[in-house]
Structure formats: C-alpha cells, structure tokens
PDB file of N, CA and C in Angstrom:
ATOM      1  N   UNK A   1       0.717  -1.100  -0.147  1.00  0.00           N
ATOM      2  CA  UNK A   1       0.164  -0.035  -0.269  1.00  0.00           C
ATOM      3  C   UNK A   1       0.676   1.099   0.157  1.00  0.00           C
ATOM      4  N   UNK A   2       0.856   1.958  -0.971  1.00  0.00           N
ATOM      5  CA  UNK A   2       1.245   3.428  -1.263  1.00  0.00           C
ATOM      6  C   UNK A   2       0.756   4.445  -0.291  1.00  0.00           C
ATOM      7  N   UNK A   3       1.732   5.040   0.251  1.00  0.00           N
ATOM      8  CA  UNK A   3       1.199   6.262   0.962  1.00  0.00           C
ATOM      9  C   UNK A   3       2.574   7.503   0.726  1.00  0.00           C
ATOM     10  N   UNK A   4       2.163   8.618   0.806  1.00  0.00           N
ATOM     11  CA  UNK A   4       2.722   9.942   0.810  1.00  0.00           C
ATOM     12  C   UNK A   4       3.334  10.384   2.100  1.00  0.00           C
ATOM     13  N   UNK A   5       4.419  11.600   1.812  1.00  0.00           N
ATOM     14  CA  UNK A   5       4.866  12.075   2.931  1.00  0.00           C
ATOM     15  C   UNK A   5       5.682  13.326   2.258  1.00  0.00           C
ATOM     16  N   UNK A   6       5.295  14.151   2.990  1.00  0.00           N
ATOM     17  CA  UNK A   6       6.082  15.735   2.779  1.00  0.00           C
ATOM     18  C   UNK A   6       7.143  15.597   3.852  1.00  0.00           C
ATOM     19  N   UNK A   7       8.314  15.990   3.035  1.00  0.00           N
ATOM     20  CA  UNK A   7       9.872  16.148   3.676  1.00  0.00           C
ATOM     21  C   UNK A   7       9.806  17.842   3.821  1.00  0.00           C
ATOM     22  N   UNK A   8      10.585  18.128   4.751  1.00  0.00           N
ATOM     23  CA  UNK A   8      11.073  19.488   5.064  1.00  0.00           C
ATOM     24  C   UNK A   8      12.075  19.342   5.394  1.00  0.00           C
ATOM     25  N   UNK A   9      13.330  20.058   4.906  1.00  0.00           N
ATOM     26  CA  UNK A   9      14.580  20.554   5.384  1.00  0.00           C
ATOM     27  C   UNK A   9      14.819  21.677   5.613  1.00  0.00           C
ATOM     28  N   UNK A  10      15.344  21.960   6.856  1.00  0.00           N
ATOM     29  CA  UNK A  10      15.659  23.282   7.297  1.00  0.00           C
ATOM     30  C   UNK A  10      17.033  23.510   7.821  1.00  0.00           C
ATOM     31  N   UNK A  11      17.711  24.787   7.317  1.00  0.00           N
ATOM     32  CA  UNK A  11      19.215  24.753   7.899  1.00  0.00           C
ATOM     33  C   UNK A  11      18.587  26.036   8.811  1.00  0.00           C
ATOM     34  N   UNK A  12      18.836  26.432   9.841  1.00  0.00           N
ATOM     35  CA  UNK A  12      18.343  27.619  10.777  1.00  0.00           C
ATOM     36  C   UNK A  12      19.423  28.612  10.174  1.00  0.00           C
ATOM     37  N   UNK A  13      20.463  28.309  10.753  1.00  0.00           N
ATOM     38  CA  UNK A  13      21.956  28.912  10.670  1.00  0.00           C
ATOM     39  C   UNK A  13      22.166  29.810   9.348  1.00  0.00           C
ATOM     40  N   UNK A  14      21.535  29.579   8.348  1.00  0.00           N
ATOM     41  CA  UNK A  14      21.672  29.664   7.125  1.00  0.00           C
ATOM     42  C   UNK A  14      20.290  30.632   6.423  1.00  0.00           C
ATOM     43  N   UNK A  15      19.199  30.311   7.104  1.00  0.00           N
ATOM     44  CA  UNK A  15      17.993  30.535   6.442  1.00  0.00           C
ATOM     45  C   UNK A  15      17.700  29.777   5.337  1.00  0.00           C
ATOM     46  N   UNK A  16      17.720  28.777   5.361  1.00  0.00           N
ATOM     47  CA  UNK A  16      17.277  28.126   4.167  1.00  0.00           C
ATOM     48  C   UNK A  16      16.364  27.119   4.684  1.00  0.00           C
ATOM     49  N   UNK A  17      15.647  26.715   3.754  1.00  0.00           N
ATOM     50  CA  UNK A  17      14.636  25.582   3.792  1.00  0.00           C
ATOM     51  C   UNK A  17      14.341  24.917   2.444  1.00  0.00           C
ATOM     52  N   UNK A  18      13.515  23.812   2.238  1.00  0.00           N
ATOM     53  CA  UNK A  18      13.245  22.994   1.271  1.00  0.00           C
ATOM     54  C   UNK A  18      12.355  21.846   1.427  1.00  0.00           C
ATOM     55  N   UNK A  19      11.212  21.616   0.602  1.00  0.00           N
ATOM     56  CA  UNK A  19      10.144  20.840   1.298  1.00  0.00           C
ATOM     57  C   UNK A  19       9.718  19.966  -0.082  1.00  0.00           C
ATOM     58  N   UNK A  20       9.184  18.715  -0.097  1.00  0.00           N
ATOM     59  CA  UNK A  20       9.354  17.941  -1.450  1.00  0.00           C
ATOM     60  C   UNK A  20       8.232  17.303  -0.837  1.00  0.00           C
ATOM     61  N   UNK A  21       7.656  16.523  -1.804  1.00  0.00           N
ATOM     62  CA  UNK A  21       6.516  15.591  -1.733  1.00  0.00           C
ATOM     63  C   UNK A  21       6.828  14.254  -2.321  1.00  0.00           C
ATOM     64  N   UNK A  22       7.089  13.160  -1.343  1.00  0.00           N
ATOM     65  CA  UNK A  22       7.401  11.781  -1.928  1.00  0.00           C
ATOM     66  C   UNK A  22       6.198  11.424  -1.963  1.00  0.00           C
ATOM     67  N   UNK A  23       5.619  10.791  -3.012  1.00  0.00           N
ATOM     68  CA  UNK A  23       4.595  10.862  -3.550  1.00  0.00           C
ATOM     69  C   UNK A  23       3.783   9.441  -3.209  1.00  0.00           C
ATOM     70  N   UNK A  24       4.533   8.481  -3.216  1.00  0.00           N
ATOM     71  CA  UNK A  24       4.225   6.813  -3.237  1.00  0.00           C
ATOM     72  C   UNK A  24       5.193   6.102  -2.197  1.00  0.00           C
ATOM     73  N   UNK A  25       6.270   6.381  -1.370  1.00  0.00           N
ATOM     74  CA  UNK A  25       7.247   5.811  -0.693  1.00  0.00           C
ATOM     75  C   UNK A  25       7.385   6.438   0.631  1.00  0.00           C
ATOM     76  N   UNK A  26       6.360   6.939   1.251  1.00  0.00           N
ATOM     77  CA  UNK A  26       6.391   7.931   2.539  1.00  0.00           C
ATOM     78  C   UNK A  26       6.597   7.072   3.691  1.00  0.00           C
ATOM     79  N   UNK A  27       6.633   5.700   3.857  1.00  0.00           N
ATOM     80  CA  UNK A  27       7.218   4.999   5.213  1.00  0.00           C
ATOM     81  C   UNK A  27       8.287   5.399   5.945  1.00  0.00           C
ATOM     82  N   UNK A  28       8.950   5.465   6.692  1.00  0.00           N
ATOM     83  CA  UNK A  28      10.018   5.606   7.304  1.00  0.00           C
ATOM     84  C   UNK A  28      10.942   4.405   6.751  1.00  0.00           C
ATOM     85  N   UNK A  29      10.744   3.177   6.578  1.00  0.00           N
ATOM     86  CA  UNK A  29      11.997   2.384   5.891  1.00  0.00           C
ATOM     87  C   UNK A  29      12.087   2.959   4.700  1.00  0.00           C
ATOM     88  N   UNK A  30      11.386   3.355   3.688  1.00  0.00           N
ATOM     89  CA  UNK A  30      11.581   3.610   2.430  1.00  0.00           C
ATOM     90  C   UNK A  30      12.267   5.026   1.976  1.00  0.00           C
ATOM     91  N   UNK A  31      11.887   6.041   3.260  1.00  0.00           N
ATOM     92  CA  UNK A  31      12.905   7.274   3.411  1.00  0.00           C
ATOM     93  C   UNK A  31      14.063   6.623   4.184  1.00  0.00           C
ATOM     94  N   UNK A  32      14.101   6.154   4.846  1.00  0.00           N
ATOM     95  CA  UNK A  32      15.797   5.392   5.070  1.00  0.00           C
ATOM     96  C   UNK A  32      16.665   4.980   4.138  1.00  0.00           C
ATOM     97  N   UNK A  33      15.714   4.063   3.134  1.00  0.00           N
ATOM     98  CA  UNK A  33      16.457   3.595   2.332  1.00  0.00           C
ATOM     99  C   UNK A  33      17.031   4.478   1.223  1.00  0.00           C
ATOM    100  N   UNK A  34      16.230   5.547   1.041  1.00  0.00           N
ATOM    101  CA  UNK A  34      16.245   6.749  -0.046  1.00  0.00           C
ATOM    102  C   UNK A  34      18.066   7.433   0.590  1.00  0.00           C
ATOM    103  N   UNK A  35      17.531   7.976   2.106  1.00  0.00           N
ATOM    104  CA  UNK A  35      18.863   8.465   2.602  1.00  0.00           C
ATOM    105  C   UNK A  35      20.296   7.479   3.085  1.00  0.00           C
ATOM    106  N   UNK A  36      20.010   6.502   2.532  1.00  0.00           N
ATOM    107  CA  UNK A  36      20.892   5.372   2.888  1.00  0.00           C
ATOM    108  C   UNK A  36      21.441   5.031   1.767  1.00  0.00           C
ATOM    109  N   UNK A  37      21.218   5.652   0.248  1.00  0.00           N
ATOM    110  CA  UNK A  37      21.541   5.447  -0.680  1.00  0.00           C
ATOM    111  C   UNK A  37      23.375   6.242  -0.850  1.00  0.00           C
ATOM    112  N   UNK A  38      23.609   7.190  -0.120  1.00  0.00           N
ATOM    113  CA  UNK A  38      24.767   8.151  -0.238  1.00  0.00           C
ATOM    114  C   UNK A  38      25.715   6.965   0.863  1.00  0.00           C
ATOM    115  N   UNK A  39      24.874   6.413   1.557  1.00  0.00           N
ATOM    116  CA  UNK A  39      25.711   5.912   2.636  1.00  0.00           C
ATOM    117  C   UNK A  39      26.474   4.591   2.071  1.00  0.00           C
ATOM    118  N   UNK A  40      25.693   3.948   1.556  1.00  0.00           N
ATOM    119  CA  UNK A  40      26.305   2.915   0.549  1.00  0.00           C
ATOM    120  C   UNK A  40      27.001   3.241  -0.461  1.00  0.00           C
ATOM    121  N   UNK A  41      27.051   4.153  -1.153  1.00  0.00           N
ATOM    122  CA  UNK A  41      28.104   4.729  -2.058  1.00  0.00           C
ATOM    123  C   UNK A  41      29.628   5.047  -1.168  1.00  0.00           C
ATOM    124  N   UNK A  42      29.210   5.943  -0.390  1.00  0.00           N
ATOM    125  CA  UNK A  42      30.733   6.578   0.035  1.00  0.00           C
ATOM    126  C   UNK A  42      30.908   6.470   1.610  1.00  0.00           C
ATOM    127  N   UNK A  43      30.129   5.610   1.682  1.00  0.00           N
ATOM    128  CA  UNK A  43      30.194   5.133   3.302  1.00  0.00           C
ATOM    129  C   UNK A  43      29.863   6.299   4.783  1.00  0.00           C
ATOM    130  N   UNK A  44      29.151   7.188   4.417  1.00  0.00           N
ATOM    131  CA  UNK A  44      28.628   7.974   5.188  1.00  0.00           C
ATOM    132  C   UNK A  44      27.222   8.295   4.844  1.00  0.00           C
ATOM    133  N   UNK A  45      26.611   8.812   5.937  1.00  0.00           N
ATOM    134  CA  UNK A  45      25.048   9.372   5.184  1.00  0.00           C
ATOM    135  C   UNK A  45      25.403  11.011   5.092  1.00  0.00           C
ATOM    136  N   UNK A  46      24.083  11.582   4.164  1.00  0.00           N
ATOM    137  CA  UNK A  46      24.056  12.742   3.791  1.00  0.00           C
ATOM    138  C   UNK A  46      24.238  13.379   5.280  1.00  0.00           C
ATOM    139  N   UNK A  47      24.968  14.686   4.960  1.00  0.00           N
ATOM    140  CA  UNK A  47      25.343  15.379   6.326  1.00  0.00           C
ATOM    141  C   UNK A  47      24.912  16.882   6.274  1.00  0.00           C
ATOM    142  N   UNK A  48      25.329  17.456   5.055  1.00  0.00           N
ATOM    143  CA  UNK A  48      25.039  18.699   4.492  1.00  0.00           C
ATOM    144  C   UNK A  48      23.795  19.125   3.722  1.00  0.00           C
ATOM    145  N   UNK A  49      23.433  20.498   3.742  1.00  0.00           N
ATOM    146  CA  UNK A  49      22.400  20.858   2.696  1.00  0.00           C
ATOM    147  C   UNK A  49      22.625  20.596   1.534  1.00  0.00           C
ATOM    148  N   UNK A  50      23.771  20.305   0.735  1.00  0.00           N
ATOM    149  CA  UNK A  50      24.329  20.043  -0.661  1.00  0.00           C
ATOM    150  C   UNK A  50      23.924  18.707  -0.635  1.00  0.00           C
ATOM    151  N   UNK A  51      24.173  17.894  -0.120  1.00  0.00           N
ATOM    152  CA  UNK A  51      24.136  16.274  -0.029  1.00  0.00           C
ATOM    153  C   UNK A  51      22.549  16.029  -0.019  1.00  0.00           C
ATOM    154  N   UNK A  52      22.149  16.448   1.053  1.00  0.00           N
ATOM    155  CA  UNK A  52      20.794  16.189   1.552  1.00  0.00           C
ATOM    156  C   UNK A  52      19.430  16.761   0.245  1.00  0.00           C
ATOM    157  N   UNK A  53      20.449  17.903  -0.430  1.00  0.00           N
ATOM    158  CA  UNK A  53      19.464  18.402  -1.509  1.00  0.00           C
ATOM    159  C   UNK A  53      19.790  17.898  -2.335  1.00  0.00           C
ATOM    160  N   UNK A  54      20.499  17.151  -2.835  1.00  0.00           N
ATOM    161  CA  UNK A  54      20.890  16.372  -3.975  1.00  0.00           C
ATOM    162  C   UNK A  54      20.372  14.963  -3.632  1.00  0.00           C
ATOM    163  N   UNK A  55      20.086  14.283  -2.845  1.00  0.00           N
ATOM    164  CA  UNK A  55      19.264  13.404  -2.230  1.00  0.00           C
ATOM    165  C   UNK A  55      17.788  13.432  -2.818  1.00  0.00           C
ATOM    166  N   UNK A  56      17.103  14.640  -2.536  1.00  0.00           N
ATOM    167  CA  UNK A  56      15.889  15.048  -2.641  1.00  0.00           C
ATOM    168  C   UNK A  56      15.419  15.815  -4.140  1.00  0.00           C
ATOM    169  N   UNK A  57      16.458  15.736  -4.924  1.00  0.00           N
ATOM    170  CA  UNK A  57      16.191  16.477  -6.250  1.00  0.00           C
ATOM    171  C   UNK A  57      15.351  15.646  -7.056  1.00  0.00           C
ATOM    172  N   UNK A  58      14.950  14.501  -7.020  1.00  0.00           N
ATOM    173  CA  UNK A  58      14.346  13.745  -8.048  1.00  0.00           C
ATOM    174  C   UNK A  58      12.783  14.158  -7.618  1.00  0.00           C
ATOM    175  N   UNK A  59      12.683  14.575  -6.630  1.00  0.00           N
ATOM    176  CA  UNK A  59      11.339  14.626  -6.030  1.00  0.00           C
ATOM    177  C   UNK A  59      10.605  15.706  -6.123  1.00  0.00           C
ATOM    178  N   UNK A  60       9.269  15.723  -6.251  1.00  0.00           N
ATOM    179  CA  UNK A  60       8.501  17.173  -6.234  1.00  0.00           C
ATOM    180  C   UNK A  60       8.801  18.419  -5.319  1.00  0.00           C
ATOM    181  N   UNK A  61       9.474  19.142  -5.830  1.00  0.00           N
ATOM    182  CA  UNK A  61       9.357  20.245  -4.999  1.00  0.00           C
ATOM    183  C   UNK A  61       7.925  20.847  -4.539  1.00  0.00           C
ATOM    184  N   UNK A  62       7.923  21.282  -3.149  1.00  0.00           N
ATOM    185  CA  UNK A  62       6.543  22.255  -2.800  1.00  0.00           C
ATOM    186  C   UNK A  62       6.992  23.335  -2.238  1.00  0.00           C
ATOM    187  N   UNK A  63       6.012  24.291  -2.140  1.00  0.00           N
ATOM    188  CA  UNK A  63       6.171  25.509  -1.082  1.00  0.00           C
ATOM    189  C   UNK A  63       6.180  24.851   0.088  1.00  0.00           C
ATOM    190  N   UNK A  64       6.685  26.049   0.815  1.00  0.00           N
ATOM    191  CA  UNK A  64       6.471  26.015   2.246  1.00  0.00           C
ATOM    192  C   UNK A  64       4.949  25.282   2.752  1.00  0.00           C
ATOM    193  N   UNK A  65       4.872  24.239   3.587  1.00  0.00           N
ATOM    194  CA  UNK A  65       3.865  23.574   3.859  1.00  0.00           C
ATOM    195  C   UNK A  65       2.935  24.335   4.452  1.00  0.00           C
ATOM    196  N   UNK A  66       3.201  25.654   5.249  1.00  0.00           N
ATOM    197  CA  UNK A  66       2.036  26.294   5.548  1.00  0.00           C
ATOM    198  C   UNK A  66       1.467  27.327   4.662  1.00  0.00           C
ATOM    199  N   UNK A  67       1.605  27.336   3.198  1.00  0.00           N
ATOM    200  CA  UNK A  67       1.438  28.349   2.043  1.00  0.00           C
ATOM    201  C   UNK A  67       0.403  26.921   0.966  1.00  0.00           C
ATOM    202  N   UNK A  68       0.487  25.807   1.404  1.00  0.00           N
ATOM    203  CA  UNK A  68      -0.318  24.633   0.426  1.00  0.00           C
ATOM    204  C   UNK A  68      -1.633  25.142   0.411  1.00  0.00           C
ATOM    205  N   UNK A  69      -2.091  24.836  -0.254  1.00  0.00           N
ATOM    206  CA  UNK A  69      -3.722  24.945  -0.488  1.00  0.00           C
ATOM    207  C   UNK A  69      -3.964  23.909  -1.517  1.00  0.00           C
ATOM    208  N   UNK A  70      -4.826  23.171  -1.507  1.00  0.00           N
ATOM    209  CA  UNK A  70      -4.966  22.346  -0.191  1.00  0.00           C
ATOM    210  C   UNK A  70      -3.535  21.632   0.248  1.00  0.00           C
ATOM    211  N   UNK A  71      -3.551  21.180   1.458  1.00  0.00           N
ATOM    212  CA  UNK A  71      -2.433  20.313   1.746  1.00  0.00           C
ATOM    213  C   UNK A  71      -2.616  19.231   1.385  1.00  0.00           C
ATOM    214  N   UNK A  72      -1.125  18.563   0.769  1.00  0.00           N
ATOM    215  CA  UNK A  72      -1.212  17.085   0.008  1.00  0.00           C
ATOM    216  C   UNK A  72      -1.581  16.033   0.991  1.00  0.00           C
ATOM    217  N   UNK A  73      -2.290  14.899   0.479  1.00  0.00           N
ATOM    218  CA  UNK A  73      -3.145  14.089   1.534  1.00  0.00           C
ATOM    219  C   UNK A  73      -1.756  13.112   1.748  1.00  0.00           C
ATOM    220  N   UNK A  74      -0.730  13.711   2.554  1.00  0.00           N
ATOM    221  CA  UNK A  74       0.369  12.796   2.949  1.00  0.00           C
ATOM    222  C   UNK A  74      -0.279  12.032   4.286  1.00  0.00           C
ATOM    223  N   UNK A  75       0.539  10.921   4.452  1.00  0.00           N
ATOM    224  CA  UNK A  75       0.099  10.263   5.439  1.00  0.00           C
ATOM    225  C   UNK A  75       1.355  10.277   6.581  1.00  0.00           C
ATOM    226  N   UNK A  76       2.518  10.708   6.184  1.00  0.00           N
ATOM    227  CA  UNK A  76       3.855  10.709   6.937  1.00  0.00           C
ATOM    228  C   UNK A  76       4.356  12.495   6.778  1.00  0.00           C
ATOM    229  N   UNK A  77       4.923  13.029   7.955  1.00  0.00           N
ATOM    230  CA  UNK A  77       5.493  14.289   7.545  1.00  0.00           C
ATOM    231  C   UNK A  77       6.989  14.067   8.467  1.00  0.00           C
ATOM    232  N   UNK A  78       7.985  14.346   8.042  1.00  0.00           N
ATOM    233  CA  UNK A  78       9.328  14.732   7.909  1.00  0.00           C
ATOM    234  C   UNK A  78      10.072  16.000   8.112  1.00  0.00           C
ATOM    235  N   UNK A  79      10.631  15.917   9.235  1.00  0.00           N
ATOM    236  CA  UNK A  79      11.510  17.344   9.195  1.00  0.00           C
ATOM    237  C   UNK A  79      13.072  16.998   9.948  1.00  0.00           C
ATOM    238  N   UNK A  80      13.790  17.819   8.699  1.00  0.00           N
ATOM    239  CA  UNK A  80      15.150  17.280   8.930  1.00  0.00           C
ATOM    240  C   UNK A  80      15.798  18.577   9.195  1.00  0.00           C
ATOM    241  N   UNK A  81      16.568  18.712  10.518  1.00  0.00           N
ATOM    242  CA  UNK A  81      17.224  20.105  10.922  1.00  0.00           C
ATOM    243  C   UNK A  81      18.431  19.896  10.807  1.00  0.00           C
ATOM    244  N   UNK A  82      19.246  20.887  10.438  1.00  0.00           N
ATOM    245  CA  UNK A  82      20.773  20.638  10.379  1.00  0.00           C
ATOM    246  C   UNK A  82      21.124  21.936  11.205  1.00  0.00           C
ATOM    247  N   UNK A  83      22.176  21.354  11.907  1.00  0.00           N
ATOM    248  CA  UNK A  83      22.867  22.299  12.810  1.00  0.00           C
ATOM    249  C   UNK A  83      24.364  22.017  13.458  1.00  0.00           C
ATOM    250  N   UNK A  84      24.790  22.472  14.260  1.00  0.00           N
ATOM    251  CA  UNK A  84      26.724  22.333  14.326  1.00  0.00           C
ATOM    252  C   UNK A  84      26.460  20.387  14.632  1.00  0.00           C
ATOM    253  N   UNK A  85      25.513  19.864  14.736  1.00  0.00           N
ATOM    254  CA  UNK A  85      25.543  18.796  15.269  1.00  0.00           C
ATOM    255  C   UNK A  85      25.462  17.529  14.047  1.00  0.00           C
ATOM    256  N   UNK A  86      25.259  17.920  13.259  1.00  0.00           N
ATOM    257  CA  UNK A  86      24.528  17.189  11.995  1.00  0.00           C
ATOM    258  C   UNK A  86      23.352  17.486  11.719  1.00  0.00           C
ATOM    259  N   UNK A  87      22.271  16.229  11.191  1.00  0.00           N
ATOM    260  CA  UNK A  87      21.282  16.405  10.601  1.00  0.00           C
ATOM    261  C   UNK A  87      20.569  15.544  11.759  1.00  0.00           C
ATOM    262  N   UNK A  88      19.592  15.817  12.268  1.00  0.00           N
ATOM    263  CA  UNK A  88      18.025  15.480  13.260  1.00  0.00           C
ATOM    264  C   UNK A  88      16.953  15.177  12.762  1.00  0.00           C
ATOM    265  N   UNK A  89      16.066  13.971  12.663  1.00  0.00           N
ATOM    266  CA  UNK A  89      15.207  13.904  11.858  1.00  0.00           C
ATOM    267  C   UNK A  89      14.139  13.995  12.716  1.00  0.00           C
ATOM    268  N   UNK A  90      12.898  14.384  12.571  1.00  0.00           N
ATOM    269  CA  UNK A  90      11.583  13.772  13.796  1.00  0.00           C
ATOM    270  C   UNK A  90      10.455  13.288  12.262  1.00  0.00           C
ATOM    271  N   UNK A  91       9.800  12.571  12.995  1.00  0.00           N
ATOM    272  CA  UNK A  91       8.702  12.092  12.013  1.00  0.00           C
ATOM    273  C   UNK A  91       7.013  12.028  12.704  1.00  0.00           C
ATOM    274  N   UNK A  92       6.261  12.753  11.962  1.00  0.00           N
ATOM    275  CA  UNK A  92       5.134  12.503  12.360  1.00  0.00           C
ATOM    276  C   UNK A  92       4.109  11.517  11.307  1.00  0.00           C
ATOM    277  N   UNK A  93       3.179  11.006  12.170  1.00  0.00           N
ATOM    278  CA  UNK A  93       2.100  10.326  11.166  1.00  0.00           C
ATOM    279  C   UNK A  93       0.692  10.771  11.256  1.00  0.00           C
ATOM    280  N   UNK A  94      -0.031  10.958   9.976  1.00  0.00           N
ATOM    281  CA  UNK A  94      -1.419  11.255  10.190  1.00  0.00           C
ATOM    282  C   UNK A  94      -2.043   9.861  10.031  1.00  0.00           C
ATOM    283  N   UNK A  95      -3.323   9.488  10.976  1.00  0.00           N
ATOM    284  CA  UNK A  95      -3.953   8.272  11.151  1.00  0.00           C
ATOM    285  C   UNK A  95      -5.370   8.529  10.963  1.00  0.00           C
ATOM    286  N   UNK A  96      -5.750   7.765  10.137  1.00  0.00           N
ATOM    287  CA  UNK A  96      -6.961   7.682   8.963  1.00  0.00           C
ATOM    288  C   UNK A  96      -8.165   8.317   9.972  1.00  0.00           C
ATOM    289  N   UNK A  97      -8.227   7.886  11.465  1.00  0.00           N
ATOM    290  CA  UNK A  97      -9.265   7.776  12.117  1.00  0.00           C
ATOM    291  C   UNK A  97      -9.411   9.787  12.762  1.00  0.00           C
ATOM    292  N   UNK A  98      -8.455  10.245  12.347  1.00  0.00           N
ATOM    293  CA  UNK A  98      -8.610  11.982  12.322  1.00  0.00           C
ATOM    294  C   UNK A  98      -8.301  12.173  13.663  1.00  0.00           C
ATOM    295  N   UNK A  99      -7.308  11.359  14.037  1.00  0.00           N
ATOM    296  CA  UNK A  99      -6.642  11.728  15.400  1.00  0.00           C
ATOM    297  C   UNK A  99      -5.854  12.822  15.202  1.00  0.00           C
ATOM    298  N   UNK A 100      -5.352  13.396  13.891  1.00  0.00           N
ATOM    299  CA  UNK A 100      -4.632  14.394  13.669  1.00  0.00           C
ATOM    300  C   UNK A 100      -2.892  13.848  13.761  1.00  0.00           C
ATOM    301  N   UNK A 101      -1.979  14.569  13.622  1.00  0.00           N
ATOM    302  CA  UNK A 101      -0.678  14.462  13.313  1.00  0.00           C
ATOM    303  C   UNK A 101       0.085  13.522  14.945  1.00  0.00           C
ATOM    304  N   UNK A 102       0.627  12.489  14.882  1.00  0.00           N
ATOM    305  CA  UNK A 102       1.382  12.120  15.821  1.00  0.00           C
ATOM    306  C   UNK A 102       2.625  11.632  15.971  1.00  0.00           C
ATOM    307  N   UNK A 103       3.269  12.061  16.681  1.00  0.00           N
ATOM    308  CA  UNK A 103       4.781  11.801  16.610  1.00  0.00           C
ATOM    309  C   UNK A 103       5.042  10.402  16.453  1.00  0.00           C
ATOM    310  N   UNK A 104       6.087  10.221  15.710  1.00  0.00           N
ATOM    311  CA  UNK A 104       6.495   8.707  15.596  1.00  0.00           C
ATOM    312  C   UNK A 104       7.754   8.819  15.650  1.00  0.00           C
ATOM    313  N   UNK A 105       8.601   9.636  15.389  1.00  0.00           N
ATOM    314  CA  UNK A 105       9.972   9.224  16.345  1.00  0.00           C
ATOM    315  C   UNK A 105      10.910  10.680  16.141  1.00  0.00           C
ATOM    316  N   UNK A 106      11.619  10.737  16.982  1.00  0.00           N
ATOM    317  CA  UNK A 106      12.441  11.626  16.964  1.00  0.00           C
ATOM    318  C   UNK A 106      12.392  13.056  18.055  1.00  0.00           C
ATOM    319  N   UNK A 107      13.230  14.332  17.583  1.00  0.00           N
ATOM    320  CA  UNK A 107      14.372  14.049  16.940  1.00  0.00           C
ATOM    321  C   UNK A 107      15.341  12.738  17.227  1.00  0.00           C
ATOM    322  N   UNK A 108      16.029  12.702  16.419  1.00  0.00           N
ATOM    323  CA  UNK A 108      16.879  11.917  16.449  1.00  0.00           C
ATOM    324  C   UNK A 108      17.981  11.846  15.152  1.00  0.00           C
ATOM    325  N   UNK A 109      19.175  11.575  15.551  1.00  0.00           N
ATOM    326  CA  UNK A 109      20.155  11.940  14.530  1.00  0.00           C
ATOM    327  C   UNK A 109      19.867  10.995  13.072  1.00  0.00           C
ATOM    328  N   UNK A 110      20.243  11.671  12.137  1.00  0.00           N
ATOM    329  CA  UNK A 110      19.838  11.414  10.675  1.00  0.00           C
ATOM    330  C   UNK A 110      20.634   9.772  10.609  1.00  0.00           C
ATOM    331  N   UNK A 111      21.659   9.612  11.078  1.00  0.00           N
ATOM    332  CA  UNK A 111      22.396   8.445  11.039  1.00  0.00           C
ATOM    333  C   UNK A 111      21.430   6.882  11.735  1.00  0.00           C
ATOM    334  N   UNK A 112      21.224   7.457  12.865  1.00  0.00           N
ATOM    335  CA  UNK A 112      20.542   6.876  13.582  1.00  0.00           C
ATOM    336  C   UNK A 112      18.926   6.059  13.049  1.00  0.00           C
ATOM    337  N   UNK A 113      18.458   7.054  12.333  1.00  0.00           N
ATOM    338  CA  UNK A 113      17.219   6.916  11.957  1.00  0.00           C
ATOM    339  C   UNK A 113      17.487   6.011  10.429  1.00  0.00           C
ATOM    340  N   UNK A 114      18.654   6.305  10.052  1.00  0.00           N
ATOM    341  CA  UNK A 114      18.910   5.278   8.920  1.00  0.00           C
ATOM    342  C   UNK A 114      19.062   4.158   9.276  1.00  0.00           C
ATOM    343  N   UNK A 115      19.821   3.864  10.074  1.00  0.00           N
ATOM    344  CA  UNK A 115      20.320   2.333  10.862  1.00  0.00           C
ATOM    345  C   UNK A 115      19.148   1.988  11.133  1.00  0.00           C
ATOM    346  N   UNK A 116      18.220   2.402  12.185  1.00  0.00           N
ATOM    347  CA  UNK A 116      17.020   1.962  12.803  1.00  0.00           C
ATOM    348  C   UNK A 116      15.952   1.489  12.085  1.00  0.00           C
ATOM    349  N   UNK A 117      15.596   2.335  10.765  1.00  0.00           N
ATOM    350  CA  UNK A 117      14.594   1.735   9.724  1.00  0.00           C
ATOM    351  C   UNK A 117      14.923   1.156   8.578  1.00  0.00           C
ATOM    352  N   UNK A 118      16.232   1.181   7.991  1.00  0.00           N
ATOM    353  CA  UNK A 118      16.795   0.769   6.556  1.00  0.00           C
ATOM    354  C   UNK A 118      17.212  -0.662   6.977  1.00  0.00           C
ATOM    355  N   UNK A 119      16.334  -1.640   6.825  1.00  0.00           N
ATOM    356  CA  UNK A 119      16.537  -3.098   7.258  1.00  0.00           C
ATOM    357  C   UNK A 119      18.381  -3.862   6.577  1.00  0.00           C
ATOM    358  N   UNK A 120      18.138  -3.252   4.845  1.00  0.00           N
ATOM    359  CA  UNK A 120      19.566  -3.599   4.525  1.00  0.00           C
ATOM    360  C   UNK A 120      20.692  -2.867   5.232  1.00  0.00           C
ATOM    361  N   UNK A 121      20.667  -2.246   6.035  1.00  0.00           N
ATOM    362  CA  UNK A 121      21.728  -1.167   6.448  1.00  0.00           C
ATOM    363  C   UNK A 121      22.130  -2.023   7.787  1.00  0.00           C
ATOM    364  N   UNK A 122      21.007  -2.059   8.066  1.00  0.00           N
ATOM    365  CA  UNK A 122      21.116  -2.803   9.596  1.00  0.00           C
ATOM    366  C   UNK A 122      21.706  -4.337   9.612  1.00  0.00           C
ATOM    367  N   UNK A 123      21.598  -4.941   8.528  1.00  0.00           N
ATOM    368  CA  UNK A 123      21.952  -6.386   8.317  1.00  0.00           C
ATOM    369  C   UNK A 123      23.468  -6.397   7.733  1.00  0.00           C
ATOM    370  N   UNK A 124      23.904  -5.407   7.253  1.00  0.00           N
ATOM    371  CA  UNK A 124      25.189  -5.376   6.966  1.00  0.00           C
ATOM    372  C   UNK A 124      26.153  -5.634   8.205  1.00  0.00           C
ATOM    373  N   UNK A 125      27.548  -6.293   8.049  1.00  0.00           N
ATOM    374  CA  UNK A 125      28.295  -6.557   9.315  1.00  0.00           C
ATOM    375  C   UNK A 125      29.069  -5.184   9.606  1.00  0.00           C
TER     376      UNK A 125
END
C-alpha cells in the first residue's frame, strides 16, 4: 500500500529551507533507504545541505507547507534540521481515524534513523 510523505529540510543558521513530496514511498523504511543510498556509495550518510538537497532533487518540490492549499494528502511528515551537530530527523504520522498528526520518532540523529529503519543497512556487518 502506497502512502505519501512531505519532507522538510531546514538549516536555520543559513535561513534555508526546502520541501518535497514523496508521493508513494513515505514509510520510514522507504525514506531510510532513500537517505541510505549515499551511505552505501560513500560510506557515510548525507550531512550537509548540498548532500541532502541532492538526495531529494528527483522528488516533486513543494512551497513551504503552511502556504499549501490544499495540503497534500500525506500520511507521513518528516522534518530534517541541520545544525552544528549534524542532521536530526523528526517524523509524524497522520492516522485515518482523524486523530491528527502523532509523533512517530525523533528528533534523532539522521544516521540513527537510517540504521533503525533501513533493514539492508542494519543487516550489513
């Protein structure tokens, strides 16, 4: 079953933000796999604005979520904040029962999110 996700990337110290729609692969495992691709090729997760922006470049860009009319029918919402300590990810899920957005995880280091949710990476020695 496919589900959409809205991904926001923020770098407050540089006043940068980007927002993307992941139309049919919004589960945490699928995002971890997407973020884990640079890890598999370079040995480390994406950690800078440029690296993360390159990961999300193939996705559909969105304006800032507060300006969306109507809001995309997303099941998951991810927020990645970059700071001096690196990237930290938070995740929320919207349940169909109308309970609103419920926190799923985070904020947690980006590398920990990738290890926790990406089965292929956690099974590699």
